[in-house]
């Protein structure tokens, strides 16, 4: 039986911060009809809070539909910059703005709006999002990564294994354990890169000229069709914001693909002509995904759409009765 929008709002207040429920640092308020949602990010705002902002807001849209039958048609994302915010705030805000721009493009039935300190912030259209101005540059030199980084940490140990720790020839053959997209690639000698840095800069590469934060992509390789494959590995970490992380990577590699194709490490490891032409595959690999993950994936889905990248979900150790 459907409940009223007021009852739903009260339920959100009563359960906020409890396990499996909505986080404490996002406040939700609905219009009288329930068709407009205002989502406000509060408290200490860092990369983690920005990354959970839109997936949890989308989860709220899904849940209000399930419990009240109401379709949200307008979403306002409101952010107030803390007085003591560090320089990373603006970089993380820009990443969030680009993710929200993508969601606005990808979900035309819903109007997405963004406010910073009460002022409206313009979102990019498709052309602006994927065709960046010439002043925006990326790193052209990638430092060599070692086999071991925090090897006692399970996720890093798994990353090191897939990277080919101990192999005389560095290939991606161990990715066969991830399933069909990397199955029976042995003998093709496809290269693999580990902890590839992102980051976008204005004119020159330096901290003061940063436009976007620098991240380390777990693994980069080619799948069995020859598409550039971006892999984000999670082990025993089912946080919902992993979808924001992989979207950040998808937008970065697609928006700057021509620059990425010219990086020496990329040119020496992969077929750059194919990188510039074909879709980029973005893989989220985990042994357990958040219970709300599948519910919000339609908002992010790139199926049958032409963005230049697509998402793939890989579940490790999936078990079923036989």
Protein backbone atom coordinates (compact mmCIF):
# COMPACT_ATOMS: atom_id res chain seq x y z
CA UNK A 1 0.00 0.00 0.00
CA UNK A 2 1.36 3.42 -1.01
CA UNK A 3 2.23 5.96 1.68
CA UNK A 4 2.05 9.75 1.49
CA UNK A 5 5.04 11.89 0.59
CA UNK A 6 5.03 13.36 4.10
CA UNK A 7 5.16 9.88 5.62
CA UNK A 8 8.03 9.00 3.33
CA UNK A 9 9.96 12.13 4.35
CA UNK A 10 9.47 11.28 8.00
CA UNK A 11 10.66 7.75 7.39
CA UNK A 12 13.85 9.15 5.85
CA UNK A 13 14.44 11.31 8.93
CA UNK A 14 13.81 8.43 11.34
CA UNK A 15 16.15 5.97 9.61
CA UNK A 16 18.92 8.28 8.36
CA UNK A 17 22.40 7.06 9.26
CA UNK A 18 21.32 3.53 10.18
CA UNK A 19 22.94 0.55 8.39
CA UNK A 20 21.60 0.07 4.82
CA UNK A 21 19.66 3.37 5.05
CA UNK A 22 20.45 6.83 3.72
CA UNK A 23 23.59 8.67 4.90
CA UNK A 24 23.41 11.40 7.53
CA UNK A 25 25.13 14.04 5.41
CA UNK A 26 22.38 14.30 2.77
CA UNK A 27 19.10 16.06 3.55
CA UNK A 28 16.10 15.30 1.35
CA UNK A 29 12.99 17.47 1.03
CA UNK A 30 10.10 17.12 -1.40
CA UNK A 31 7.56 19.52 -2.85
CA UNK A 32 3.92 19.06 -1.84
CA UNK A 33 3.31 16.88 -4.90
CA UNK A 34 6.53 14.92 -4.40
CA UNK A 35 7.58 15.55 -8.00
CA UNK A 36 10.42 17.88 -7.01
CA UNK A 37 13.24 16.72 -4.75
CA UNK A 38 15.80 18.97 -3.12
CA UNK A 39 18.90 17.07 -2.06
CA UNK A 40 21.38 18.99 0.09
CA UNK A 41 24.90 17.86 0.96
CA UNK A 42 25.88 18.96 4.46
CA UNK A 43 28.71 18.76 6.99
CA UNK A 44 32.31 18.02 6.09
CA UNK A 45 32.39 17.72 2.31
CA UNK A 46 35.26 15.74 0.84
CA UNK A 47 35.69 13.47 -2.19
CA UNK A 48 33.85 10.66 -0.44
CA UNK A 49 30.81 12.83 0.33
CA UNK A 50 30.70 14.21 -3.22
CA UNK A 51 30.88 10.71 -4.66
CA UNK A 52 28.01 9.42 -2.56
CA UNK A 53 25.84 12.50 -3.26
CA UNK A 54 24.27 11.62 -6.59
CA UNK A 55 23.95 7.80 -6.25
CA UNK A 56 22.19 8.12 -2.90
CA UNK A 57 19.95 10.86 -4.27
CA UNK A 58 19.06 8.59 -7.18
CA UNK A 59 18.40 5.79 -4.68
CA UNK A 60 15.96 8.15 -2.97
CA UNK A 61 14.16 8.69 -6.28
CA UNK A 62 13.85 4.93 -6.73
CA UNK A 63 12.56 4.40 -3.19
CA UNK A 64 10.01 7.20 -3.27
CA UNK A 65 8.59 5.67 -6.46
CA UNK A 66 8.37 2.26 -4.80
CA UNK A 67 6.70 3.53 -1.62
CA UNK A 68 4.51 6.39 -2.85
CA UNK A 69 4.09 5.72 -6.57
CA UNK A 70 5.36 9.24 -7.36
CA UNK A 71 7.75 9.94 -10.21
CA UNK A 72 10.27 12.64 -9.34
CA UNK A 73 10.61 14.96 -12.35
CA UNK A 74 12.93 17.64 -10.97
CA UNK A 75 15.99 17.22 -8.71
CA UNK A 76 17.93 20.09 -7.19
CA UNK A 77 21.39 19.21 -5.86
CA UNK A 78 22.43 21.86 -3.35
CA UNK A 79 25.97 22.28 -1.98
CA UNK A 80 27.22 24.86 0.51
CA UNK A 81 30.98 25.27 0.48
CA UNK A 82 32.35 25.03 4.03
CA UNK A 83 34.24 28.12 5.22
CA UNK A 84 37.33 26.03 5.94
CA UNK A 85 37.19 24.01 2.71
CA UNK A 86 40.61 23.06 1.31
CA UNK A 87 41.65 23.43 -2.31
CA UNK A 88 40.39 19.95 -3.14
CA UNK A 89 36.80 21.09 -2.64
CA UNK A 90 36.69 22.91 -5.98
CA UNK A 91 38.32 19.99 -7.81
CA UNK A 92 35.88 17.46 -6.35
CA UNK A 93 32.98 19.81 -7.04
CA UNK A 94 33.99 19.98 -10.71
CA UNK A 95 34.09 16.17 -10.90
CA UNK A 96 30.64 16.09 -9.36
CA UNK A 97 29.36 18.75 -11.78
CA UNK A 98 30.53 16.69 -14.75
CA UNK A 99 28.93 13.51 -13.38
CA UNK A 100 25.68 15.40 -12.86
CA UNK A 101 25.93 16.78 -16.39
CA UNK A 102 26.16 13.22 -17.69
CA UNK A 103 23.15 12.13 -15.63
CA UNK A 104 21.17 15.10 -16.94
CA UNK A 105 22.01 14.13 -20.53
CA UNK A 106 21.36 10.45 -19.89
CA UNK A 107 17.96 10.96 -18.19
CA UNK A 108 16.03 13.55 -20.23
CA UNK A 109 12.76 12.78 -18.43
CA UNK A 110 14.19 14.28 -15.22
CA UNK A 111 15.39 17.86 -14.85
CA UNK A 112 18.67 18.02 -12.93
CA UNK A 113 19.78 21.29 -11.33
CA UNK A 114 22.87 22.22 -9.34
CA UNK A 115 23.32 24.97 -6.76
CA UNK A 116 26.50 26.12 -5.02
CA UNK A 117 26.04 28.49 -2.08
CA UNK A 118 22.51 29.20 -3.30
CA UNK A 119 23.63 30.12 -6.82
CA UNK A 120 22.72 28.08 -9.87
CA UNK A 121 25.62 26.30 -11.60
CA UNK A 122 25.37 25.51 -15.29
CA UNK A 123 25.61 21.87 -16.34
CA UNK A 124 27.31 20.83 -19.58
CA UNK A 125 25.43 19.62 -22.61
CA UNK A 126 26.77 16.57 -24.46
CA UNK A 127 29.07 18.55 -26.73
CA UNK A 128 30.65 20.54 -23.90
CA UNK A 129 31.02 17.47 -21.67
CA UNK A 130 32.86 15.32 -24.18
CA UNK A 131 34.70 17.93 -26.27
CA UNK A 132 36.92 19.77 -23.83
CA UNK A 133 38.60 23.13 -24.58
CA UNK A 134 42.21 23.18 -25.74
CA UNK A 135 43.50 24.70 -22.49
CA UNK A 136 42.61 21.51 -20.59
CA UNK A 137 45.59 19.15 -20.58
CA UNK A 138 46.53 15.89 -18.85
CA UNK A 139 49.74 14.22 -17.71
CA UNK A 140 51.95 12.99 -20.52
CA UNK A 141 54.51 11.20 -18.35
CA UNK A 142 53.47 8.18 -16.30
CA UNK A 143 55.88 6.90 -13.65
CA UNK A 144 56.54 3.19 -13.51
CA UNK A 145 54.51 1.30 -10.91
CA UNK A 146 55.96 -1.46 -8.76
CA UNK A 147 54.44 -4.88 -8.27
CA UNK A 148 53.73 -4.28 -4.59
CA UNK A 149 51.80 -1.43 -2.99
CA UNK A 150 50.49 -2.29 0.47
CA UNK A 151 50.62 -6.02 -0.35
CA UNK A 152 49.00 -6.92 2.98
CA UNK A 153 45.87 -5.07 1.93
CA UNK A 154 43.60 -7.61 0.18
CA UNK A 155 42.43 -5.28 -2.57
CA UNK A 156 45.99 -4.19 -3.41
CA UNK A 157 47.24 -7.77 -3.28
CA UNK A 158 44.52 -8.76 -5.73
CA UNK A 159 45.46 -5.84 -7.96
CA UNK A 160 49.13 -6.86 -7.90
CA UNK A 161 48.21 -10.44 -8.81
CA UNK A 162 46.10 -9.37 -11.80
CA UNK A 163 48.88 -7.02 -12.84
CA UNK A 164 51.07 -10.08 -13.28
CA UNK A 165 53.21 -10.11 -10.18
CA UNK A 166 55.99 -12.63 -10.68
CA UNK A 167 55.51 -13.03 -14.43
CA UNK A 168 58.53 -12.58 -16.69
CA UNK A 169 56.38 -11.03 -19.41
CA UNK A 170 53.77 -8.51 -18.29
CA UNK A 171 50.43 -9.42 -19.91
CA UNK A 172 46.79 -9.39 -18.85
CA UNK A 173 46.31 -13.18 -19.02
CA UNK A 174 45.32 -13.40 -15.33
CA UNK A 175 42.24 -11.29 -16.08
CA UNK A 176 40.70 -14.49 -17.45
CA UNK A 177 39.35 -15.05 -13.94
CA UNK A 178 37.10 -12.01 -14.44
CA UNK A 179 35.00 -13.79 -17.03
CA UNK A 180 33.95 -13.74 -20.67
CA UNK A 181 35.42 -10.37 -21.70
CA UNK A 182 38.95 -11.60 -20.88
CA UNK A 183 38.50 -15.31 -21.51
CA UNK A 184 41.11 -17.25 -23.54
CA UNK A 185 43.36 -14.25 -24.22
CA UNK A 186 46.54 -16.17 -23.43
CA UNK A 187 49.00 -15.93 -26.28
CA UNK A 188 47.79 -12.53 -27.45
CA UNK A 189 50.35 -10.82 -25.18
CA UNK A 190 48.11 -7.89 -24.37
CA UNK A 191 49.83 -5.39 -22.10
CA UNK A 192 48.51 -4.02 -18.83
CA UNK A 193 49.13 -0.84 -16.83
CA UNK A 194 48.62 -0.37 -13.11
CA UNK A 195 47.51 2.70 -11.07
CA UNK A 196 47.26 5.00 -14.07
CA UNK A 197 46.95 8.63 -12.92
CA UNK A 198 44.16 10.92 -14.07
CA UNK A 199 44.01 14.67 -13.37
CA UNK A 200 43.22 17.67 -15.59
CA UNK A 201 45.10 20.97 -15.65
CA UNK A 202 44.70 24.45 -17.09
CA UNK A 203 47.52 25.11 -19.56
CA UNK A 204 50.34 23.53 -17.58
CA UNK A 205 50.70 20.65 -15.16
CA UNK A 206 51.00 21.92 -11.60
CA UNK A 207 48.99 21.88 -8.37
CA UNK A 208 47.79 25.50 -8.73
CA UNK A 209 46.48 24.84 -12.24
CA UNK A 210 44.50 21.70 -11.36
CA UNK A 211 40.95 21.55 -12.69
CA UNK A 212 40.14 17.98 -11.72
CA UNK A 213 41.57 15.81 -8.93
CA UNK A 214 44.18 13.17 -9.64
CA UNK A 215 43.05 9.58 -9.14
CA UNK A 216 44.81 6.26 -9.67
CA UNK A 217 42.94 3.87 -11.96
CA UNK A 218 43.54 0.32 -10.76
CA UNK A 219 44.21 -1.39 -14.10
CA UNK A 220 44.14 -0.49 -17.79
CA UNK A 221 44.33 -3.07 -20.55
CA UNK A 222 42.43 -4.31 -23.61
CA UNK A 223 39.54 -6.77 -23.51
CA UNK A 224 39.21 -9.67 -25.93
CA UNK A 225 37.63 -7.42 -28.59
CA UNK A 226 40.53 -4.98 -28.41
CA UNK A 227 38.62 -2.23 -26.59
CA UNK A 228 40.45 -0.17 -23.99
CA UNK A 229 39.37 -1.61 -20.64
CA UNK A 230 39.34 0.43 -17.42
CA UNK A 231 39.06 -1.69 -14.27
CA UNK A 232 38.11 -0.54 -10.79
CA UNK A 233 38.64 -3.33 -8.25
CA UNK A 234 36.74 -3.59 -4.99
CA UNK A 235 37.01 -6.46 -2.53
CA UNK A 236 34.78 -6.61 0.57
CA UNK A 237 33.76 -3.01 -0.08
CA UNK A 238 30.18 -2.64 -1.26
CA UNK A 239 29.80 1.13 -0.98
CA UNK A 240 27.29 2.57 -3.42
CA UNK A 241 29.59 5.40 -4.54
CA UNK A 242 31.73 3.01 -6.62
CA UNK A 243 29.42 3.91 -9.52
CA UNK A 244 30.48 7.56 -9.20
CA UNK A 245 34.12 6.51 -9.28
CA UNK A 246 33.80 4.46 -12.45
CA UNK A 247 31.75 7.26 -14.07
CA UNK A 248 34.59 9.68 -13.27
CA UNK A 249 36.96 7.35 -15.12
CA UNK A 250 34.60 6.88 -18.06
CA UNK A 251 34.23 10.62 -18.51
CA UNK A 252 37.97 11.23 -18.17
CA UNK A 253 39.10 8.61 -20.68
CA UNK A 254 36.39 9.51 -23.18
CA UNK A 255 36.74 13.29 -22.94
CA UNK A 256 40.55 13.19 -23.25
CA UNK A 257 40.99 10.06 -25.35
CA UNK A 258 43.02 11.76 -28.10
CA UNK A 259 45.46 13.12 -25.49
CA UNK A 260 45.60 9.77 -23.69
CA UNK A 261 46.38 7.97 -26.95
CA UNK A 262 49.54 10.09 -27.29
CA UNK A 263 50.99 9.20 -23.87
CA UNK A 264 54.17 7.15 -24.53
CA UNK A 265 53.22 4.39 -22.05
CA UNK A 266 49.84 4.04 -23.75
CA UNK A 267 51.31 4.08 -27.27
CA UNK A 268 53.95 1.50 -26.34
CA UNK A 269 51.45 -0.83 -24.66
CA UNK A 270 48.30 -0.68 -26.79
CA UNK A 271 46.96 -0.09 -30.29
CA UNK A 272 46.23 3.62 -30.05
CA UNK A 273 44.30 3.73 -33.33
CA UNK A 274 41.69 1.41 -31.84
CA UNK A 275 41.62 3.40 -28.59
CA UNK A 276 40.65 6.54 -30.47
CA UNK A 277 37.96 4.78 -32.50
CA UNK A 278 36.12 2.20 -30.39
CA UNK A 279 34.11 2.34 -27.17
CA UNK A 280 35.99 2.32 -23.88
CA UNK A 281 34.81 -0.42 -21.50
CA UNK A 282 34.62 0.55 -17.81
CA UNK A 283 34.52 -2.44 -15.47
CA UNK A 284 33.44 -2.45 -11.83
CA UNK A 285 34.76 -5.61 -10.20
CA UNK A 286 33.59 -6.69 -6.75
CA UNK A 287 32.72 -9.75 -4.71
CA UNK A 288 29.58 -8.06 -3.37
CA UNK A 289 27.68 -5.03 -4.64
CA UNK A 290 25.48 -2.71 -2.60
CA UNK A 291 21.84 -3.80 -2.33
CA UNK A 292 20.76 -0.58 -4.07
CA UNK A 293 23.32 -0.82 -6.88
CA UNK A 294 21.10 -2.48 -9.48
CA UNK A 295 18.22 -0.15 -8.64
CA UNK A 296 20.13 2.98 -9.64
CA UNK A 297 22.05 1.52 -12.58
CA UNK A 298 19.34 2.47 -15.14
CA UNK A 299 20.21 6.14 -14.47
CA UNK A 300 23.83 5.42 -15.47
CA UNK A 301 23.24 2.86 -18.19
CA UNK A 302 24.91 3.59 -21.54
CA UNK A 303 23.27 0.69 -23.37
CA UNK A 304 22.32 1.59 -26.95
CA UNK A 305 23.70 5.11 -26.45
CA UNK A 306 26.67 6.76 -28.13
CA UNK A 307 28.93 8.30 -25.52
CA UNK A 308 32.13 6.48 -26.41
CA UNK A 309 32.17 4.39 -23.22
CA UNK A 310 30.08 1.72 -21.53
CA UNK A 311 29.83 0.08 -18.11
CA UNK A 312 30.33 -3.59 -17.19
CA UNK A 313 29.67 -5.22 -13.82
CA UNK A 314 31.80 -8.21 -12.75
CA UNK A 315 30.86 -10.22 -9.65
CA UNK A 316 33.66 -12.26 -8.11
CA UNK A 317 32.81 -15.60 -6.51
CA UNK A 318 29.14 -15.56 -7.45
CA UNK A 319 27.57 -18.68 -5.96
CA UNK A 320 24.42 -20.54 -6.98
CA UNK A 321 22.91 -23.90 -6.12
CA UNK A 322 23.44 -26.76 -8.58
